[in-house]
Amino acid sequence: MSMTRSRLRAVLCLWAGCFLGLCTAPAVAQHGTVLTGVGPINRSMGGASTAAPLSSAGALYWNPATLSGLNQSELEIGAELLFPHASLGSRVPANTFGPGVPPIDLSGTTKSEDSVYALPTMALSYQVEETPFTFGLGVFAAAGFGLNYPGSFTNPVLTPAPPVGLGFGPIMSQYQVLQIAPAFVVDASDNLSLSLSPILNLGSLQVDPAVFAAPDDANLDTFATYPSATHSRTAWGVGFQLGAYYDAGDWAFGASYKSEQWFDSYRWNTTDELGLPRSIAYRLNLPAIYSIGTSYRGFENLILAADVRYLDYANANGFGDSGFAPNGALQGLGQQSIVAVALGAQYQATDNLSLRIGYSWNENPISSPQSSANVASPLVLQNLLSFGGSYHVSEALTLSLAYTHGFENSVTGPLVLPLGSIPGTSVTNTASADMVIVGATVRFGCPKYHTAQCPTYR
């Protein structure tokens, strides 16, 4: 198959919009690129924890001020196994880019050959006895994904690169963000707690091909290609979180603000078409998050919790940006800011056994016109249902288990060039996910202001 230089440029721009998603968002995170919760207790509550102090991990992740509401100091350790299920479908009619390009209709759907991904959680809450202070430290995965699409003869996005095909061939990507979050909490009154939490981020990103970089035609064959981005270094990022928690008896209320997480540029050592050294870079931040929540404990043995969040993707570097740079690199995903809701309930079935159910929903950050800018980054999950429970082995040790299912969802839109969409074409991103989370909580010390006797944890 042959094509002119102008047609080639059109095809490259077309497919560039389809692949930035490879490097920007976890396929199973659900709140766009942000995980809905951490640890088995928080996950099984659907992530609802802004005003429900049930675990140190959930508190440090969503509202550190609620650490003051825990019964004792504690150390929580957990691990989450992520089973993502993603597929990519696309269609390009014959002669879309001119006579014979392509010569026949191309369409197909390809499943990602996903693996299992492990996400760690560690959270420490230490209440200083006879003082209004609580200190915390959280280490957890805040974002992560991996996709591995094989090449295809019929799925246009996955066909070989020009001149043999129209796409990029096989595609792989891996992305992880680990957050380290110390927290400082003070009881401003008997009912009100305030918190400050600086956040350190470590990000790792590997992508092939790297469509956020300019393509090159170093071998002068008129077929420019995008480099790979697999030889990378860790990128550092910083941010902070502010929180407030008010305990009014049966009712409790909470609010938190997690700033945008500002990252240094991700950088890769790669090569051009001739194998000569080349360096590329891209900057990608996590969005600011605003959360409010409430919980109710007026029913015997039952705790109800609800959170509402706003995730500001539209103003996060790399997510809100859109369009093409003059050098052919895609500038961003064009994602929209979203509202998310988390609901959870915990029932104390026996003195030693507590059961939980949770549900979370969010708007889709990817609109249909932006479907082609998010190929292979299917951030389209909108509904998650969670179940879990904890067994108190002793007053000091609790074991927890949770399961979360992300229901299949998809978004379809046309392929889009810088000057507009391409008639008759389509791109469909589909995703679902399953998560199994295990953990253990060790409690120690006495509750604040009650050093004479440590009550049994319930």
Protein backbone atom coordinates (compact mmCIF):
# COMPACT_ATOMS: atom_id res chain seq x y z
CA MET A 1 0.00 0.00 0.00
CA SER A 2 1.43 3.38 -0.91
CA MET A 3 0.33 6.87 0.01
CA THR A 4 1.43 10.45 -0.52
CA ARG A 5 3.22 12.52 2.10
CA SER A 6 0.07 14.62 2.72
CA ARG A 7 -2.04 11.52 3.25
CA LEU A 8 0.57 10.12 5.58
CA ARG A 9 0.53 13.31 7.63
CA ALA A 10 -3.25 13.11 7.87
CA VAL A 11 -3.11 9.51 9.01
CA LEU A 12 -0.45 10.28 11.65
CA CYS A 13 -2.46 13.16 13.06
CA LEU A 14 -5.56 11.00 13.03
CA TRP A 15 -4.00 8.19 14.99
CA ALA A 16 -2.07 10.45 17.33
CA GLY A 17 -5.37 11.49 18.83
CA CYS A 18 -6.11 7.87 19.52
CA PHE A 19 -3.10 7.01 21.62
CA LEU A 20 -2.29 9.63 24.20
CA GLY A 21 -4.62 7.69 26.46
CA LEU A 22 -1.94 5.03 26.65
CA CYS A 23 0.16 7.21 28.93
CA THR A 24 -2.33 9.09 30.99
CA ALA A 25 -4.84 7.08 32.93
CA PRO A 26 -5.38 3.82 34.79
CA ALA A 27 -7.74 1.58 32.92
CA VAL A 28 -9.54 0.50 36.08
CA ALA A 29 -9.35 3.46 38.41
CA GLN A 30 -12.98 4.46 37.83
CA HIS A 31 -12.85 8.13 38.90
CA GLY A 32 -11.00 8.80 35.69
CA THR A 33 -7.34 8.36 36.61
CA VAL A 34 -7.97 8.41 40.38
CA LEU A 35 -8.57 5.23 42.38
CA THR A 36 -11.91 5.22 44.22
CA GLY A 37 -10.40 4.01 47.48
CA VAL A 38 -7.52 2.22 49.22
CA GLY A 39 -7.43 -0.79 51.49
CA PRO A 40 -10.17 -3.42 51.97
CA ILE A 41 -12.24 -1.42 54.47
CA ASN A 42 -12.37 1.77 52.42
CA ARG A 43 -12.89 -0.13 49.16
CA SER A 44 -15.79 -2.14 50.61
CA MET A 45 -17.46 1.15 51.62
CA GLY A 46 -17.33 2.31 48.01
CA GLY A 47 -14.66 4.84 49.04
CA ALA A 48 -17.07 6.76 51.31
CA SER A 49 -14.87 8.03 54.14
CA THR A 50 -14.81 11.84 54.16
CA ALA A 51 -16.94 11.76 57.32
CA ALA A 52 -16.75 8.06 58.27
CA PRO A 53 -13.57 7.18 60.24
CA LEU A 54 -13.47 3.40 59.77
CA SER A 55 -9.86 2.87 58.65
CA SER A 56 -6.60 4.79 58.70
CA ALA A 57 -6.03 4.10 54.99
CA GLY A 58 -9.38 5.56 53.93
CA ALA A 59 -8.86 8.55 56.20
CA LEU A 60 -5.38 9.35 54.89
CA TYR A 61 -6.52 8.96 51.29
CA TRP A 62 -9.73 11.03 51.40
CA ASN A 63 -9.76 13.12 54.60
CA PRO A 64 -6.94 12.85 57.17
CA ALA A 65 -8.95 14.91 59.68
CA THR A 66 -11.05 11.80 60.37
CA LEU A 67 -8.02 10.08 61.93
CA SER A 68 -9.10 11.72 65.17
CA GLY A 69 -12.33 9.73 65.01
CA LEU A 70 -10.65 6.33 65.14
CA ASN A 71 -10.91 4.51 68.45
CA GLN A 72 -7.20 3.81 68.79
CA SER A 73 -3.86 4.20 67.13
CA GLU A 74 -3.51 1.64 64.36
CA LEU A 75 -1.39 0.27 61.54
CA GLU A 76 -3.23 -0.94 58.43
CA ILE A 77 -1.54 -2.97 55.70
CA GLY A 78 -3.26 -4.14 52.54
CA ALA A 79 -2.78 -5.33 48.99
CA GLU A 80 -5.14 -5.02 46.05
CA LEU A 81 -5.17 -7.32 43.04
CA LEU A 82 -6.51 -5.57 39.96
CA PHE A 83 -7.99 -7.55 37.06
CA PRO A 84 -8.68 -5.07 34.25
CA HIS A 85 -10.71 -6.00 31.17
CA ALA A 86 -10.38 -3.59 28.25
CA SER A 87 -11.10 -3.74 24.54
CA LEU A 88 -10.66 -1.42 21.61
CA GLY A 89 -12.83 -1.28 18.50
CA SER A 90 -12.42 0.94 15.46
CA ARG A 91 -13.74 1.34 11.94
CA VAL A 92 -12.40 3.12 8.85
CA PRO A 93 -14.36 2.80 5.57
CA ALA A 94 -12.64 2.17 2.28
CA ASN A 95 -11.20 5.24 0.52
CA THR A 96 -11.40 7.40 3.66
CA PHE A 97 -8.04 9.06 2.96
CA GLY A 98 -8.34 9.01 -0.80
CA PRO A 99 -8.74 6.39 -3.53
CA GLY A 100 -7.42 3.09 -2.27
CA VAL A 101 -6.55 4.30 1.24
CA PRO A 102 -7.64 1.95 2.65
CA PRO A 103 -8.67 -0.26 -0.26
CA ILE A 104 -11.40 -2.02 1.76
CA ASP A 105 -13.44 -1.33 4.88
CA LEU A 106 -11.40 -1.97 8.02
CA SER A 107 -13.07 -2.73 11.32
CA GLY A 108 -12.49 -4.93 14.32
CA THR A 109 -12.42 -5.26 18.09
CA THR A 110 -9.37 -6.35 20.05
CA LYS A 111 -9.11 -7.37 23.70
CA SER A 112 -6.19 -6.26 25.81
CA GLU A 113 -4.04 -9.13 27.02
CA ASP A 114 -4.22 -7.92 30.59
CA SER A 115 -2.25 -9.18 33.53
CA VAL A 116 -2.95 -8.95 37.25
CA TYR A 117 -1.62 -5.81 38.94
CA ALA A 118 -0.81 -5.53 42.65
CA LEU A 119 -1.41 -2.21 44.44
CA PRO A 120 0.01 -1.82 47.97
CA THR A 121 -1.46 0.09 50.92
CA MET A 122 0.14 1.03 54.24
CA ALA A 123 -1.39 3.47 56.71
CA LEU A 124 -0.34 4.47 60.22
CA SER A 125 -2.41 6.53 62.65
CA TYR A 126 -0.87 7.53 65.98
CA GLN A 127 -2.95 9.35 68.59
CA VAL A 128 -0.77 11.18 71.09
CA GLU A 129 -2.23 10.38 74.52
CA GLU A 130 -3.55 13.27 76.62
CA THR A 131 -3.07 15.72 73.72
CA PRO A 132 -5.28 16.99 70.88
CA PHE A 133 -2.83 15.73 68.26
CA THR A 134 -2.92 12.77 65.88
CA PHE A 135 -0.21 11.93 63.36
CA GLY A 136 -0.53 9.74 60.30
CA LEU A 137 1.48 8.33 57.43
CA GLY A 138 0.01 6.76 54.31
CA VAL A 139 1.76 4.96 51.45
CA PHE A 140 -0.60 3.79 48.72
CA ALA A 141 -1.15 3.47 44.99
CA ALA A 142 -3.19 6.43 43.80
CA ALA A 143 -3.25 5.57 40.09
CA GLY A 144 -2.12 2.68 37.94
CA PHE A 145 -2.89 0.69 34.82
CA GLY A 146 -1.45 -1.60 32.20
CA LEU A 147 -2.62 -2.36 28.68
CA ASN A 148 -1.23 -4.75 26.09
CA TYR A 149 -2.97 -4.78 22.71
CA PRO A 150 -1.64 -7.18 20.06
CA GLY A 151 -1.40 -6.16 16.43
CA SER A 152 -4.30 -6.74 14.07
CA PHE A 153 -4.96 -7.18 10.34
CA THR A 154 -8.45 -5.67 10.54
CA ASN A 155 -8.69 -3.33 13.55
CA PRO A 156 -7.45 -0.05 11.96
CA VAL A 157 -5.82 1.33 15.10
CA LEU A 158 -3.76 -1.83 15.54
CA THR A 159 -2.77 -2.47 11.94
CA PRO A 160 0.94 -2.07 11.09
CA ALA A 161 2.45 1.36 10.63
CA PRO A 162 2.52 2.89 7.13
CA PRO A 163 3.23 1.98 4.40
CA VAL A 164 2.01 -1.54 5.25
CA GLY A 165 -1.02 -0.40 7.27
CA LEU A 166 -2.68 2.61 8.89
CA GLY A 167 -2.03 2.15 12.58
CA PHE A 168 0.75 1.50 15.05
CA GLY A 169 0.76 -2.27 15.40
CA PRO A 170 0.99 -3.77 18.93
CA ILE A 171 0.60 -1.31 21.81
CA MET A 172 1.71 -1.57 25.44
CA SER A 173 1.59 0.78 28.38
CA GLN A 174 2.17 0.70 32.14
CA TYR A 175 1.49 3.55 34.54
CA GLN A 176 1.72 3.80 38.33
CA VAL A 177 1.58 6.64 40.82
CA LEU A 178 2.57 5.95 44.43
CA GLN A 179 1.71 8.55 47.07
CA ILE A 180 3.48 9.10 50.39
CA ALA A 181 1.28 11.23 52.63
CA PRO A 182 2.17 12.23 56.20
CA ALA A 183 -0.68 13.91 58.08
CA PHE A 184 -0.95 16.29 61.03
CA VAL A 185 -4.32 16.44 62.79
CA VAL A 186 -5.41 18.69 65.66
CA ASP A 187 -8.66 18.67 67.61
CA ALA A 188 -9.72 22.32 67.45
CA SER A 189 -12.60 21.52 69.84
CA ASP A 190 -14.40 18.52 71.28
CA ASN A 191 -16.25 18.15 67.98
CA LEU A 192 -14.03 19.65 65.29
CA SER A 193 -10.75 18.29 63.89
CA LEU A 194 -8.53 19.91 61.24
CA SER A 195 -5.73 18.37 59.19
CA LEU A 196 -2.82 19.20 56.92
CA SER A 197 -1.17 16.57 54.75
CA PRO A 198 1.77 17.23 52.40
CA ILE A 199 1.91 14.65 49.60
CA LEU A 200 4.92 13.24 47.78
CA ASN A 201 4.24 11.37 44.52
CA LEU A 202 6.38 8.91 42.58
CA GLY A 203 5.23 8.24 39.04
CA SER A 204 6.36 5.57 36.57
CA LEU A 205 5.25 5.52 32.94
CA GLN A 206 6.13 3.32 29.97
CA VAL A 207 4.46 3.68 26.58
CA ASP A 208 4.99 2.27 23.10
CA PRO A 209 4.37 4.18 20.88
CA ALA A 210 4.75 7.63 22.48
CA VAL A 211 2.27 9.81 20.59
CA PHE A 212 2.84 12.76 22.92
CA ALA A 213 6.21 13.17 21.17
CA ALA A 214 6.76 14.46 17.67
CA PRO A 215 7.10 11.74 15.01
CA ASP A 216 10.34 11.64 13.05
CA ASP A 217 11.36 10.63 9.54
CA ALA A 218 15.06 10.18 10.17
CA ASN A 219 15.41 7.55 7.42
CA LEU A 220 13.81 9.91 4.85
CA ASP A 221 11.37 7.32 3.50
CA THR A 222 8.47 9.86 3.83
CA PHE A 223 6.86 7.70 6.56
CA ALA A 224 7.35 9.40 9.91
CA THR A 225 6.88 7.27 13.04
CA TYR A 226 6.47 7.88 16.75
CA PRO A 227 9.26 6.73 19.09
CA SER A 228 8.84 4.34 21.98
CA ALA A 229 8.92 5.52 25.60
CA THR A 230 10.02 2.51 27.62
CA HIS A 231 13.42 3.57 28.99
CA SER A 232 12.28 5.96 31.67
CA ARG A 233 13.12 7.34 35.07
CA THR A 234 10.79 7.94 38.02
CA ALA A 235 9.02 11.29 37.99
CA TRP A 236 8.49 13.15 41.26
CA GLY A 237 5.44 15.17 42.16
CA VAL A 238 4.18 17.18 45.12
CA GLY A 239 0.86 18.39 46.45
CA PHE A 240 -1.10 18.75 49.67
CA GLN A 241 -4.43 17.97 51.29
CA LEU A 242 -6.53 19.97 53.77
CA GLY A 243 -9.33 18.39 55.78
CA ALA A 244 -12.02 19.09 58.37
CA TYR A 245 -14.15 16.67 60.38
CA TYR A 246 -17.08 17.59 62.66
CA ASP A 247 -18.62 14.96 64.96
CA ALA A 248 -22.14 15.97 66.01
CA GLY A 249 -23.12 12.71 67.69
CA ASP A 250 -25.23 10.46 65.49
CA TRP A 251 -24.31 12.66 62.54
CA ALA A 252 -20.83 13.55 61.35
CA PHE A 253 -19.68 15.82 58.55
CA GLY A 254 -16.41 16.16 56.67
CA ALA A 255 -14.75 18.09 53.87
CA SER A 256 -11.36 17.92 52.19
CA TYR A 257 -9.38 19.53 49.40
CA LYS A 258 -6.61 17.58 47.67
CA SER A 259 -4.59 19.91 45.50
CA GLU A 260 -3.47 19.18 41.97
CA GLN A 261 -0.43 16.93 42.15
CA TRP A 262 2.33 18.81 40.32
CA PHE A 263 4.82 16.48 38.61
CA ASP A 264 8.20 16.96 37.10
CA SER A 265 8.27 15.90 33.44
CA TYR A 266 8.36 12.22 32.64
CA ARG A 267 11.51 11.66 30.56
CA TRP A 268 12.64 8.83 28.31
CA ASN A 269 15.81 7.85 26.46
CA THR A 270 14.76 6.56 23.06
CA THR A 271 15.90 6.53 19.43
CA ASP A 272 14.79 7.87 16.08
CA GLU A 273 14.16 5.76 12.98
CA LEU A 274 17.89 5.37 12.40
CA GLY A 275 18.55 4.22 15.96
CA LEU A 276 20.26 7.45 16.92
CA PRO A 277 19.81 8.73 20.50
CA ARG A 278 16.78 10.88 21.20
CA SER A 279 15.26 12.24 24.42
CA ILE A 280 11.56 12.99 24.91
CA ALA A 281 9.56 14.39 27.82
CA TYR A 282 5.94 14.90 28.86
CA ARG A 283 4.32 16.47 31.91
CA LEU A 284 1.21 14.92 33.43
CA ASN A 285 -0.44 16.03 36.69
CA LEU A 286 -3.17 14.42 38.78
CA PRO A 287 -6.28 16.61 39.17
CA ALA A 288 -7.40 18.60 42.20
CA ILE A 289 -10.19 16.89 44.18
CA TYR A 290 -12.89 18.51 46.34
CA SER A 291 -14.79 16.18 48.71
CA ILE A 292 -17.68 16.61 51.14
CA GLY A 293 -19.33 13.83 53.10
CA THR A 294 -21.60 12.82 55.94
CA SER A 295 -22.19 9.72 58.06
CA TYR A 296 -25.01 8.57 60.34
CA ARG A 297 -24.68 6.25 63.35
CA GLY A 298 -28.19 6.54 64.82
CA PHE A 299 -29.17 2.94 64.05
CA GLU A 300 -27.93 0.15 66.28
CA ASN A 301 -24.83 -1.60 64.86
CA LEU A 302 -25.14 0.30 61.57
CA ILE A 303 -23.05 3.09 60.03
CA LEU A 304 -24.13 4.84 56.82
CA ALA A 305 -21.82 7.09 54.83
CA ALA A 306 -22.08 9.24 51.70
CA ASP A 307 -19.47 11.34 49.84
CA VAL A 308 -19.68 13.72 46.89
CA ARG A 309 -16.51 14.68 45.00
CA TYR A 310 -15.48 17.00 42.21
CA LEU A 311 -12.41 16.02 40.20
CA ASP A 312 -11.03 18.91 38.17
CA TYR A 313 -9.58 17.16 35.13
CA ALA A 314 -10.26 20.10 32.84
CA ASN A 315 -7.61 22.19 34.62
CA ALA A 316 -5.01 19.44 35.22
CA ASN A 317 -1.96 19.61 32.98
CA GLY A 318 -2.12 16.89 30.33
CA PHE A 319 -5.77 16.05 30.91
CA GLY A 320 -7.61 19.26 30.09
CA ASP A 321 -5.31 20.14 27.20
CA SER A 322 -6.39 19.10 23.70
CA GLY A 323 -5.44 19.46 20.07
CA PHE A 324 -2.25 19.01 18.12
CA ALA A 325 1.05 20.84 18.30
CA PRO A 326 2.62 22.05 15.03
CA ASN A 327 5.14 19.19 15.22
CA GLY A 328 2.39 16.54 15.14
CA ALA A 329 2.38 15.66 18.85
CA LEU A 330 -0.94 15.41 20.67
CA GLN A 331 -1.10 18.00 23.46
CA GLY A 332 -3.66 16.40 25.76
CA LEU A 333 -6.75 14.26 26.29
CA GLY A 334 -9.39 16.99 26.38
CA GLN A 335 -11.07 15.44 29.41
CA GLN A 336 -13.84 17.18 31.32
CA SER A 337 -14.12 17.66 35.08
CA ILE A 338 -16.51 15.23 36.76
CA VAL A 339 -18.73 14.74 39.81
CA ALA A 340 -18.49 11.46 41.73
CA VAL A 341 -20.68 9.93 44.46
CA ALA A 342 -19.70 7.21 46.98
CA LEU A 343 -22.15 5.39 49.28
CA GLY A 344 -21.32 2.84 51.95
CA ALA A 345 -22.83 0.94 54.88
CA GLN A 346 -21.24 -1.11 57.67
CA TYR A 347 -23.24 -3.53 59.84
CA GLN A 348 -21.80 -5.02 63.03
CA ALA A 349 -23.18 -8.55 62.66
CA THR A 350 -21.48 -9.92 65.80
CA ASP A 351 -18.94 -8.70 68.31
CA ASN A 352 -16.20 -9.98 66.00
CA LEU A 353 -17.68 -9.68 62.50
CA SER A 354 -18.54 -6.53 60.56
CA LEU A 355 -20.01 -6.57 57.04
CA ARG A 356 -19.97 -3.80 54.44
CA ILE A 357 -21.44 -2.86 51.10
CA GLY A 358 -20.50 0.12 48.94
CA TYR A 359 -21.38 1.74 45.64
CA SER A 360 -19.68 4.48 43.67
CA TRP A 361 -20.69 6.37 40.54
CA ASN A 362 -19.08 9.12 38.55
CA GLU A 363 -19.60 11.06 35.37
CA ASN A 364 -17.58 9.96 32.39
CA PRO A 365 -14.57 12.27 31.88
CA ILE A 366 -14.43 11.20 28.22
CA SER A 367 -17.09 12.69 25.97
CA SER A 368 -17.96 11.02 22.69
CA PRO A 369 -16.06 13.61 20.59
CA GLN A 370 -12.92 12.80 22.64
CA SER A 371 -13.18 9.03 22.24
CA SER A 372 -10.45 9.00 19.61
CA ALA A 373 -8.13 10.92 21.97
CA ASN A 374 -8.46 8.20 24.60
CA VAL A 375 -7.98 4.96 22.69
CA ALA A 376 -6.36 2.29 24.88
CA SER A 377 -7.03 4.40 27.94
CA PRO A 378 -10.61 3.35 28.67
CA LEU A 379 -11.45 5.64 31.58
CA VAL A 380 -15.13 4.97 31.04
CA LEU A 381 -16.14 3.02 34.17
CA GLN A 382 -19.04 4.74 35.92
CA ASN A 383 -20.53 2.17 38.31
CA LEU A 384 -18.69 0.09 40.95
CA LEU A 385 -20.26 -2.25 43.51
CA SER A 386 -18.27 -3.48 46.52
CA PHE A 387 -18.69 -6.07 49.25
CA GLY A 388 -16.47 -6.82 52.21
CA GLY A 389 -16.06 -7.71 55.81
CA SER A 390 -13.68 -7.70 58.78
CA TYR A 391 -13.08 -10.28 61.46
CA HIS A 392 -11.68 -9.16 64.82
CA VAL A 393 -9.26 -11.92 65.72
CA SER A 394 -8.48 -10.11 68.97
CA GLU A 395 -8.74 -6.63 70.45
CA ALA A 396 -5.49 -5.82 68.66
CA LEU A 397 -5.81 -7.62 65.30
CA THR A 398 -8.44 -7.42 62.56
CA LEU A 399 -8.37 -9.18 59.19
CA SER A 400 -10.32 -7.71 56.26
CA LEU A 401 -11.37 -8.82 52.78
CA ALA A 402 -13.19 -6.98 50.00
CA TYR A 403 -14.31 -7.49 46.41
CA THR A 404 -15.17 -4.75 43.92
CA HIS A 405 -16.68 -5.08 40.46
CA GLY A 406 -16.58 -2.31 37.89
CA PHE A 407 -19.48 -2.78 35.50
CA GLU A 408 -18.72 -2.71 31.79
CA ASN A 409 -19.14 0.62 30.08
CA SER A 410 -18.12 2.05 26.72
CA VAL A 411 -17.90 5.28 24.79
CA THR A 412 -17.96 5.68 21.00
CA GLY A 413 -17.04 8.63 18.85
CA PRO A 414 -15.58 9.51 15.49
CA LEU A 415 -11.93 9.70 14.62
CA VAL A 416 -10.92 13.36 14.81
CA LEU A 417 -8.34 15.34 12.87
CA PRO A 418 -7.15 18.82 13.89
CA LEU A 419 -9.61 20.26 11.37
CA GLY A 420 -12.55 18.09 12.37
CA SER A 421 -13.97 14.58 12.61
CA ILE A 422 -13.70 12.01 9.83
CA PRO A 423 -17.15 11.00 8.48
CA GLY A 424 -18.02 7.33 8.69
CA THR A 425 -15.27 6.41 11.15
CA SER A 426 -15.64 5.32 14.76
CA VAL A 427 -13.63 4.41 17.84
CA THR A 428 -15.09 2.47 20.78
CA ASN A 429 -13.41 2.16 24.18
CA THR A 430 -14.82 -0.53 26.48
CA ALA A 431 -13.72 -1.42 30.02
CA SER A 432 -14.71 -3.40 33.10
CA ALA A 433 -12.70 -4.53 36.11
CA ASP A 434 -12.58 -6.83 39.13
CA MET A 435 -10.63 -6.12 42.31
CA VAL A 436 -9.81 -8.31 45.31
CA ILE A 437 -8.41 -6.55 48.36
CA VAL A 438 -6.98 -8.12 51.53
CA GLY A 439 -5.55 -6.46 54.61
CA ALA A 440 -4.81 -6.53 58.31
CA THR A 441 -5.17 -3.85 60.98
CA VAL A 442 -3.17 -3.83 64.21
CA ARG A 443 -4.39 -1.49 66.97
CA PHE A 444 -2.28 -0.29 69.87
CA GLY A 445 -2.24 2.30 72.63
CA CYS A 446 -5.20 3.95 74.34
CA PRO A 447 -7.72 6.41 72.98
CA LYS A 448 -6.89 10.06 73.57
CA TYR A 449 -7.99 11.42 76.93
CA HIS A 450 -8.65 7.85 78.23
CA THR A 451 -5.29 6.43 79.25
CA ALA A 452 -6.61 4.68 82.34
CA GLN A 453 -8.31 1.93 80.37
CA CYS A 454 -8.29 0.83 76.74
CA PRO A 455 -11.84 -0.15 75.67
CA THR A 456 -12.46 -3.07 73.40
CA TYR A 457 -12.56 -2.05 69.74
CA ARG A 458 -15.92 -2.56 68.12
